[in-house]
Structures are given as structure tokens and as C-alpha cells.
Amino acid sequence: MRDVIAELKALRLHGMAGTWADLMEQNAAELERSGWLVEQMLRAETTERATRSVTHQMNAAKFPVHRDLAGFDFEVSPVDRKLVLQLAEMAFTDEAHNVVLVGGPGTGKSHLATAIGVAGITQHG
């Protein structure tokens, strides 16, 4: 069985974690039988919070239009595909580095900037 108390605390549900601990002391066998329900609820809450976080971050970023790397045509634009995919891994943010996209009109700078931002939110969100 999963560590329900640790998961409740990770979700900042300290009152529920304390209550679960008290209930385990009183009647662990009975609680074990219904543990599957609590595990499902924890899984659902964790998923819901992750989804809300990504949605919030996407709204806060105020991207003009949703763009992703799957929709970018690397054959038409003279950009380095390998470099763009590396930037989409967001390693540059760990050291607080910036990325500057330079190019003429219509080369995909805005599309790539938005797509890299979306990749960062979905990976770290």
C-alpha cells in the first residue's frame, strides 16, 4: 500500500494526514480494506492539481496562440532542429539562462518561442 500519510502531507492536507494516522492506530485492518478508495482519491487529486497548474501557467503566460513543436515545419524554416529540441528540454532555465531567437520575418521565431514555453510549462507544470 502506498504511504497515504506522506501523500496527504505532500498535498498539504495535514489535517487529513493526522486523522488517517489516528484511524490507523484505532483500526488498521478496517482501514486497509478501504485503502484502495483513498489511494484512488489521492491519485485523482494529484492529477487534478497538475492539470490546474498547467492551465493556470498557460493562462498566465498569455501566449498569443497555442503552438507546439509538432506543428512547426522544420523543412521550411532554416533553424537547427536539434538545437530547438534541446531548448525544449528547458535545461537552460536551470541556470537562469536566456534564449534569443534571431531571424527575418516569417522564419518561425514567435512560433518557436511559444512552443518552447509550452514545452516548459507542460514538463515542469
Protein backbone atom coordinates (compact mmCIF):
# COMPACT_ATOMS: atom_id res chain seq x y z
CA MET A 1 0.00 0.00 0.00
CA ARG A 2 1.14 3.50 -0.74
CA ASP A 3 2.26 5.83 2.02
CA VAL A 4 -1.04 7.64 2.40
CA ILE A 5 0.17 9.94 5.16
CA ALA A 6 3.16 11.15 3.12
CA GLU A 7 0.95 11.74 0.07
CA LEU A 8 -1.62 13.66 2.10
CA LYS A 9 1.13 15.85 3.53
CA ALA A 10 2.62 16.39 0.07
CA LEU A 11 -0.79 17.68 -0.99
CA ARG A 12 -0.78 19.92 2.10
CA LEU A 13 -3.71 18.05 3.64
CA HIS A 14 -2.18 17.89 7.10
CA GLY A 15 -5.47 17.56 8.96
CA MET A 16 -6.43 14.55 6.88
CA ALA A 17 -2.96 13.07 7.37
CA GLY A 18 -3.32 13.38 11.15
CA THR A 19 -6.77 11.86 11.07
CA TRP A 20 -5.55 8.96 8.90
CA ALA A 21 -2.75 8.28 11.40
CA ASP A 22 -5.25 8.30 14.29
CA LEU A 23 -7.61 5.99 12.43
CA MET A 24 -4.74 3.61 11.61
CA GLU A 25 -3.95 3.35 15.32
CA GLN A 26 -7.59 2.62 16.16
CA ASN A 27 -8.47 0.12 13.45
CA ALA A 28 -5.73 -0.56 10.91
CA ALA A 29 -7.35 -3.71 9.48
CA GLU A 30 -10.59 -1.93 8.64
CA LEU A 31 -8.71 0.98 7.10
CA GLU A 32 -6.57 -1.35 4.98
CA ARG A 33 -9.71 -2.72 3.30
CA SER A 34 -10.86 0.75 2.30
CA GLY A 35 -7.35 1.96 1.45
CA TRP A 36 -7.95 1.45 -2.27
CA LEU A 37 -10.57 4.20 -2.19
CA VAL A 38 -8.24 6.67 -0.53
CA GLU A 39 -5.47 5.77 -2.99
CA GLN A 40 -7.79 6.44 -5.93
CA MET A 41 -8.82 9.77 -4.40
CA LEU A 42 -5.18 10.75 -3.87
CA ARG A 43 -4.33 9.82 -7.46
CA ALA A 44 -7.28 11.86 -8.75
CA GLU A 45 -6.37 14.88 -6.62
CA THR A 46 -2.74 14.78 -7.72
CA THR A 47 -3.77 14.60 -11.37
CA GLU A 48 -6.32 17.39 -10.99
CA ARG A 49 -3.81 19.69 -9.30
CA ALA A 50 -1.24 19.07 -12.05
CA THR A 51 -3.83 19.83 -14.71
CA ARG A 52 -4.95 23.02 -12.98
CA SER A 53 -1.33 24.10 -12.57
CA VAL A 54 -0.61 23.71 -16.28
CA THR A 55 -3.83 25.55 -17.19
CA HIS A 56 -3.00 28.38 -14.79
CA GLN A 57 0.55 28.72 -16.10
CA MET A 58 -0.62 28.71 -19.72
CA ASN A 59 -3.12 31.48 -18.94
CA ALA A 60 -0.52 33.47 -17.00
CA ALA A 61 1.96 33.19 -19.89
CA LYS A 62 -0.60 34.85 -22.18
CA PHE A 63 0.71 33.13 -25.27
CA PRO A 64 -0.90 34.65 -28.36
CA VAL A 65 -1.95 31.30 -29.84
CA HIS A 66 -1.26 27.74 -28.77
CA ARG A 67 1.80 26.48 -30.61
CA ASP A 68 3.80 23.31 -30.21
CA LEU A 69 6.84 21.81 -31.86
CA ALA A 70 4.75 19.18 -33.62
CA GLY A 71 3.15 21.97 -35.66
CA PHE A 72 6.44 23.56 -36.69
CA ASP A 73 7.71 22.81 -40.20
CA PHE A 74 11.46 22.36 -39.82
CA GLU A 75 11.80 21.70 -43.56
CA VAL A 76 10.64 25.21 -44.49
CA SER A 77 12.47 27.24 -41.84
CA PRO A 78 16.29 27.40 -41.67
CA VAL A 79 16.52 26.56 -37.96
CA ASP A 80 18.60 23.91 -36.26
CA ARG A 81 16.10 21.19 -35.33
CA LYS A 82 18.50 19.54 -32.86
CA LEU A 83 19.10 22.84 -31.05
CA VAL A 84 15.37 23.62 -30.87
CA LEU A 85 14.59 20.19 -29.43
CA GLN A 86 17.40 20.67 -26.91
CA LEU A 87 15.94 24.05 -25.90
CA ALA A 88 12.52 22.43 -25.50
CA GLU A 89 14.00 20.26 -22.72
CA MET A 90 14.32 23.54 -20.75
CA ALA A 91 17.77 22.78 -19.30
CA PHE A 92 18.76 26.42 -19.88
CA THR A 93 16.26 27.52 -17.22
CA ASP A 94 18.05 25.54 -14.52
CA GLU A 95 20.94 28.00 -14.73
CA ALA A 96 18.70 31.01 -15.44
CA HIS A 97 19.98 31.50 -18.97
CA ASN A 98 18.02 33.31 -21.65
CA VAL A 99 17.30 32.28 -25.21
CA VAL A 100 17.38 34.84 -28.01
CA LEU A 101 15.77 33.93 -31.31
CA VAL A 102 17.10 35.93 -34.26
CA GLY A 103 15.86 35.80 -37.83
CA GLY A 104 13.95 37.55 -40.53
CA PRO A 105 10.19 37.85 -40.81
CA GLY A 106 8.36 34.57 -41.22
CA THR A 107 11.19 32.32 -40.03
CA GLY A 108 9.20 31.00 -37.07
CA LYS A 109 10.66 32.91 -34.13
CA SER A 110 7.30 33.54 -32.46
CA HIS A 111 6.10 30.01 -33.12
CA LEU A 112 9.28 28.52 -31.63
CA ALA A 113 9.27 30.86 -28.62
CA THR A 114 5.68 29.93 -27.82
CA ALA A 115 6.29 26.22 -28.47
CA ILE A 116 9.34 26.19 -26.18
CA GLY A 117 7.33 27.99 -23.50
CA VAL A 118 4.50 25.46 -23.82
CA ALA A 119 7.03 22.62 -23.58
CA GLY A 120 8.47 24.16 -20.41
CA ILE A 121 5.08 24.54 -18.77
CA THR A 122 3.97 21.02 -19.59
CA GLN A 123 7.27 19.49 -18.44
CA HIS A 124 7.60 21.43 -15.22
CA GLY A 125 3.90 22.07 -14.60
